[in-house]
N, C-alpha and C. Protein backbone atom coordinates (compact mmCIF):
# COMPACT_ATOMS: atom_id res chain seq x y z
N UNK A 1 79.49 93.27 98.99
CA UNK A 1 80.14 93.29 99.74
C UNK A 1 81.09 94.78 99.79
N UNK A 2 80.63 95.79 100.39
CA UNK A 2 81.09 97.13 100.91
C UNK A 2 81.97 97.20 101.82
N UNK A 3 83.64 98.23 101.69
CA UNK A 3 84.41 97.70 102.27
C UNK A 3 84.78 99.24 102.64
N UNK A 4 84.13 100.06 103.88
CA UNK A 4 85.13 101.14 103.75
C UNK A 4 86.44 101.45 104.88
N UNK A 5 87.31 101.78 104.27
CA UNK A 5 89.12 101.97 105.41
C UNK A 5 89.01 102.87 105.23
N UNK A 6 89.88 103.10 106.87
CA UNK A 6 90.34 104.81 107.25
C UNK A 6 91.41 104.71 107.99
N UNK A 7 92.75 105.68 107.84
CA UNK A 7 93.91 105.57 109.20
C UNK A 7 93.60 107.06 108.97
N UNK A 8 93.52 106.36 110.61
CA UNK A 8 93.18 107.90 111.72
C UNK A 8 94.56 107.76 112.65
N UNK A 9 95.49 109.10 112.57
CA UNK A 9 96.11 109.42 114.26
C UNK A 9 97.66 110.20 112.85
N UNK A 10 98.46 109.38 113.95
CA UNK A 10 100.42 109.63 112.99
C UNK A 10 101.02 110.78 113.21
N UNK A 11 101.82 110.09 113.01
CA UNK A 11 103.14 111.60 113.91
C UNK A 11 103.24 113.40 112.73
N UNK A 12 101.75 112.47 111.54
CA UNK A 12 101.67 114.53 110.32
C UNK A 12 100.05 114.28 110.59
N UNK A 13 100.07 115.09 109.63
CA UNK A 13 98.47 115.24 109.23
C UNK A 13 98.66 115.17 107.79
N UNK A 14 97.98 114.33 107.28
CA UNK A 14 98.55 113.80 105.59
C UNK A 14 96.38 113.21 105.41
N UNK A 15 96.25 114.48 105.06
CA UNK A 15 94.71 113.92 105.09
C UNK A 15 94.15 113.14 103.70
N UNK A 16 95.35 113.10 102.35
CA UNK A 16 95.15 112.75 102.39
C UNK A 16 95.60 110.68 102.03
N UNK A 17 96.36 110.56 102.78
CA UNK A 17 96.28 109.47 103.39
C UNK A 17 95.12 109.28 104.54
N UNK A 18 94.15 110.24 105.17
CA UNK A 18 93.68 109.66 106.04
C UNK A 18 92.11 110.16 105.35
N UNK A 19 92.00 109.60 103.91
CA UNK A 19 90.38 110.26 103.47
C UNK A 19 90.09 108.67 103.98
N UNK A 20 88.55 108.41 104.19
CA UNK A 20 88.26 106.89 103.49
C UNK A 20 88.10 106.79 102.81
N UNK A 21 88.39 105.55 102.21
CA UNK A 21 88.68 104.82 101.21
C UNK A 21 87.19 104.08 100.77
N UNK A 22 86.78 104.13 99.89
CA UNK A 22 85.67 102.44 99.31
C UNK A 22 85.41 101.75 98.35
N UNK A 23 85.85 100.96 98.59
CA UNK A 23 85.64 99.96 97.13
C UNK A 23 84.17 99.03 97.60
N UNK A 24 83.21 98.08 96.44
CA UNK A 24 83.30 97.23 96.44
C UNK A 24 83.89 95.93 95.49
N UNK A 25 84.18 94.64 96.64
CA UNK A 25 84.48 93.71 96.49
C UNK A 25 83.77 92.98 95.04
N UNK A 26 82.61 93.36 94.77
CA UNK A 26 82.00 92.59 93.92
C UNK A 26 82.92 93.11 92.65
N UNK A 27 83.29 94.22 92.50
CA UNK A 27 84.02 94.75 91.65
C UNK A 27 85.82 94.19 91.29
N UNK A 28 85.92 93.52 92.03
CA UNK A 28 87.34 92.48 91.43
C UNK A 28 87.13 91.60 90.98
N UNK A 29 88.45 91.05 91.11
CA UNK A 29 88.27 89.83 90.11
C UNK A 29 88.34 88.29 90.58
N UNK A 30 87.94 87.44 90.42
CA UNK A 30 87.40 86.48 91.78
C UNK A 30 88.27 85.80 92.29
N UNK A 31 89.20 85.89 92.60
CA UNK A 31 90.38 84.75 93.51
C UNK A 31 90.64 86.66 94.56
N UNK A 32 90.43 87.67 93.85
CA UNK A 32 90.65 88.10 95.61
C UNK A 32 89.21 88.76 96.52
N UNK A 33 88.22 88.70 95.61
CA UNK A 33 87.10 88.68 96.34
C UNK A 33 86.50 87.60 97.36
N UNK A 34 86.70 86.55 96.94
CA UNK A 34 87.23 85.18 97.19
C UNK A 34 87.81 85.37 98.44
N UNK A 35 89.20 85.57 98.36
CA UNK A 35 89.85 85.70 99.33
C UNK A 35 89.44 86.42 100.68
N UNK A 36 89.24 87.96 99.80
CA UNK A 36 87.81 89.16 100.81
C UNK A 36 86.68 87.90 101.51
N UNK A 37 86.50 87.45 100.78
CA UNK A 37 85.64 86.73 101.81
C UNK A 37 85.15 85.91 103.01
N UNK A 38 86.21 85.13 102.51
CA UNK A 38 87.13 84.19 103.68
C UNK A 38 87.93 85.11 104.62
N UNK A 39 87.87 85.48 104.72
CA UNK A 39 89.24 86.30 105.42
C UNK A 39 88.07 87.23 106.39
N UNK A 40 87.04 87.55 105.60
CA UNK A 40 86.38 88.57 106.61
C UNK A 40 85.52 86.90 107.83
N UNK A 41 84.94 86.05 107.11
CA UNK A 41 84.24 84.30 108.01
C UNK A 41 85.75 84.48 108.01
N UNK A 42 86.51 84.35 108.96
CA UNK A 42 87.33 83.80 109.16
C UNK A 42 88.30 84.89 110.11
N UNK A 43 87.77 86.02 110.31
CA UNK A 43 87.98 86.80 111.39
C UNK A 43 87.09 87.08 112.36
N UNK A 44 85.85 86.68 111.90
CA UNK A 44 85.04 87.01 112.66
C UNK A 44 83.95 88.26 112.14
N UNK A 45 84.90 88.88 111.26
CA UNK A 45 84.83 90.61 111.50
C UNK A 45 83.09 90.84 112.61
N UNK A 46 82.04 90.51 112.11
CA UNK A 46 80.76 91.28 112.30
C UNK A 46 80.95 90.52 114.20
N UNK A 47 81.21 89.71 114.19
CA UNK A 47 81.34 89.92 116.04
C UNK A 47 82.18 90.53 116.57
N UNK A 48 83.57 91.18 115.71
CA UNK A 48 84.91 91.38 116.60
C UNK A 48 84.04 92.47 117.34
N UNK A 49 84.52 92.92 118.33
CA UNK A 49 84.25 94.01 119.13
C UNK A 49 84.72 95.61 118.57
N UNK A 50 83.72 96.80 118.89
CA UNK A 50 84.08 97.78 117.95
C UNK A 50 85.08 98.52 118.22
N UNK A 51 86.34 97.92 119.01
CA UNK A 51 87.93 98.41 119.36
C UNK A 51 88.97 97.11 119.46
N UNK A 52 89.35 97.02 118.38
CA UNK A 52 90.48 95.98 118.42
C UNK A 52 91.66 96.34 119.12
N UNK A 53 92.36 95.94 120.43
CA UNK A 53 93.69 97.06 120.39
C UNK A 53 93.62 97.61 121.39
N UNK A 54 94.91 98.83 121.62
CA UNK A 54 94.70 99.52 122.83
C UNK A 54 95.97 100.74 122.74
N UNK A 55 96.20 101.92 123.16
CA UNK A 55 97.11 102.43 122.65
C UNK A 55 98.47 102.00 124.24
N UNK A 56 99.10 102.46 123.76
CA UNK A 56 100.62 101.97 124.83
C UNK A 56 100.69 102.77 125.49
N UNK A 57 100.41 103.39 127.27
CA UNK A 57 100.71 104.51 128.30
C UNK A 57 102.04 104.50 127.54
N UNK A 58 102.03 105.81 127.64
CA UNK A 58 103.22 106.78 126.95
C UNK A 58 103.40 107.45 126.08
N UNK A 59 102.72 106.28 124.95
CA UNK A 59 103.20 106.90 123.12
C UNK A 59 102.83 108.80 122.65
N UNK A 60 103.01 108.79 122.41
CA UNK A 60 103.05 109.94 121.78
C UNK A 60 102.28 109.91 120.38
N UNK A 61 102.60 108.63 119.86
CA UNK A 61 101.91 108.98 118.43
C UNK A 61 101.43 107.55 117.89
N UNK A 62 100.11 107.07 117.61
CA UNK A 62 99.90 106.22 117.27
C UNK A 62 99.17 106.41 116.05
N UNK A 63 98.30 104.78 115.31
CA UNK A 63 98.00 105.50 114.33
C UNK A 63 96.78 103.77 114.95
N UNK A 64 95.57 104.37 114.41
CA UNK A 64 94.52 103.81 114.37
C UNK A 64 93.58 103.53 112.74
N UNK A 65 93.15 101.88 112.07
CA UNK A 65 92.77 102.00 111.57
C UNK A 65 91.21 101.90 111.49
N UNK A 66 90.06 101.85 111.00
CA UNK A 66 88.65 101.62 110.95
C UNK A 66 88.29 101.37 110.00
N UNK A 67 88.14 99.71 110.41
CA UNK A 67 87.25 98.87 108.67
C UNK A 67 85.52 99.08 109.28
N UNK A 68 85.24 99.64 107.53
CA UNK A 68 83.59 98.94 107.57
C UNK A 68 83.57 98.22 106.95
N UNK A 69 82.87 97.46 107.02
CA UNK A 69 82.13 96.20 105.97
C UNK A 69 80.63 96.35 106.01
N UNK A 70 80.30 96.26 105.14
CA UNK A 70 78.65 96.12 104.74
C UNK A 70 78.82 95.07 103.56
N UNK A 71 77.55 94.12 104.44
CA UNK A 71 77.47 92.69 103.74
C UNK A 71 76.12 91.81 103.78
N UNK A 72 75.27 91.30 103.04
CA UNK A 72 73.97 90.91 103.33
C UNK A 72 73.04 91.81 103.73
N UNK A 73 73.10 92.87 103.63
CA UNK A 73 72.36 94.19 104.26
C UNK A 73 72.97 93.40 105.79
N UNK A 74 74.06 94.10 106.36
CA UNK A 74 74.81 93.73 107.88
C UNK A 74 76.29 94.08 107.51
N UNK A 75 75.75 95.81 109.02
CA UNK A 75 77.37 96.64 108.15
C UNK A 75 77.64 96.78 109.91
N UNK A 76 78.76 96.61 110.19
CA UNK A 76 79.98 96.29 111.39
C UNK A 76 80.99 97.34 110.89
N UNK A 77 82.04 98.25 111.82
CA UNK A 77 83.07 99.07 111.97
C UNK A 77 83.66 98.57 113.04
N UNK A 78 84.80 98.50 112.76
CA UNK A 78 86.48 97.77 114.15
C UNK A 78 87.60 99.71 114.01
N UNK A 79 87.35 100.37 114.72
CA UNK A 79 88.96 100.72 115.07
C UNK A 79 89.88 99.64 115.36
N UNK A 80 91.23 99.69 114.70
CA UNK A 80 92.38 98.88 114.96
C UNK A 80 92.96 99.51 115.32
N UNK A 81 93.05 99.31 117.11
CA UNK A 81 94.51 99.98 117.17
C UNK A 81 95.60 98.74 117.15
N UNK A 82 96.88 99.50 116.43
CA UNK A 82 98.18 98.74 116.40
C UNK A 82 98.37 97.53 115.58
N UNK A 83 98.42 96.53 115.77
CA UNK A 83 98.34 95.51 114.83
C UNK A 83 97.43 94.51 115.60
N UNK A 84 96.60 93.43 115.25
CA UNK A 84 95.73 92.47 115.86
C UNK A 84 96.28 91.60 116.04
N UNK A 85 96.18 91.24 117.77
CA UNK A 85 96.31 89.50 117.84
C UNK A 85 95.85 88.62 117.32
N UNK A 86 94.65 88.92 116.84
CA UNK A 86 94.21 87.75 115.69
C UNK A 86 94.10 87.96 114.53
N UNK A 87 95.07 86.41 114.04
CA UNK A 87 95.99 86.39 112.50
C UNK A 87 94.79 86.45 111.20
N UNK A 88 93.83 86.11 110.89
CA UNK A 88 92.85 85.97 110.03
C UNK A 88 92.72 87.85 110.03
N UNK A 89 92.16 88.12 111.13
CA UNK A 89 91.95 90.06 111.72
C UNK A 89 92.96 91.16 110.35
N UNK A 90 93.92 90.37 111.36
CA UNK A 90 95.30 91.15 110.70
C UNK A 90 95.44 90.71 108.92
N UNK A 91 95.45 89.77 108.64
CA UNK A 91 95.43 89.15 107.15
C UNK A 91 94.69 90.13 106.32
N UNK A 92 92.90 90.46 106.87
CA UNK A 92 91.99 91.01 106.48
C UNK A 92 92.64 92.42 106.41
N UNK A 93 92.32 93.20 106.89
CA UNK A 93 93.73 94.15 107.04
C UNK A 93 94.50 94.34 106.18
N UNK A 94 95.50 93.48 105.79
CA UNK A 94 96.85 93.50 105.11
C UNK A 94 95.93 93.61 103.50
N UNK A 95 95.03 92.30 103.22
CA UNK A 95 94.13 92.75 101.47
C UNK A 95 93.38 94.10 101.79
N UNK A 96 92.89 94.46 102.89
CA UNK A 96 91.97 95.61 102.24
C UNK A 96 93.38 97.45 102.34
N UNK A 97 94.43 97.28 102.81
CA UNK A 97 95.03 97.77 102.45
C UNK A 97 95.90 97.95 101.18
N UNK A 98 96.25 96.80 101.02
CA UNK A 98 96.76 96.63 99.80
C UNK A 98 95.41 96.55 98.46
N UNK A 99 94.53 97.18 99.19
CA UNK A 99 93.47 97.14 97.59
C UNK A 99 93.43 98.95 97.70
N UNK A 100 93.35 99.53 98.59
CA UNK A 100 93.20 100.67 98.67
C UNK A 100 94.49 101.35 97.99
N UNK A 101 95.89 101.03 98.28
CA UNK A 101 97.35 101.71 97.98
C UNK A 101 96.38 101.38 96.03
N UNK A 102 95.76 100.41 95.82
CA UNK A 102 95.78 99.94 93.88
C UNK A 102 95.02 100.96 93.68
N UNK A 103 93.91 101.68 94.86
CA UNK A 103 92.88 102.79 94.18
C UNK A 103 93.73 104.00 94.38
N UNK A 104 95.11 104.23 95.81
CA UNK A 104 95.41 105.52 95.43
C UNK A 104 95.93 105.70 94.30
N UNK A 105 96.96 104.31 93.54
CA UNK A 105 97.77 104.78 92.71
C UNK A 105 96.74 105.38 91.31
N UNK A 106 95.58 104.82 91.28
CA UNK A 106 94.81 104.98 90.37
C UNK A 106 94.42 106.43 90.44
N UNK A 107 94.46 107.42 91.67
CA UNK A 107 93.68 108.62 91.46
C UNK A 107 92.81 108.07 91.92
N UNK A 108 91.59 106.91 93.03
CA UNK A 108 90.68 107.45 93.83
C UNK A 108 90.76 108.36 94.40
């Protein structure tokens, strides 16, 4: 399973944080890989709409996160604006953010 995460928007332009980060879940330890797979299934990620959430009218600064997952020949992308109402999707996003943070600390 290949995962790409990108953060978009925000108050200040920070190219390092907005650059897409990709990783292959097959390279993770068994526990983390199984957790990601479980959350993809629980969140029905491949059935999610292209955008989840919305910008609150009147807000000048908003962040959206773009999550792309490719698994078993299927690829799907979801733009998440704000905090998703779906707990499983929210948990999936947290785990992906954690993995991306590890990659950034490693200088990738």
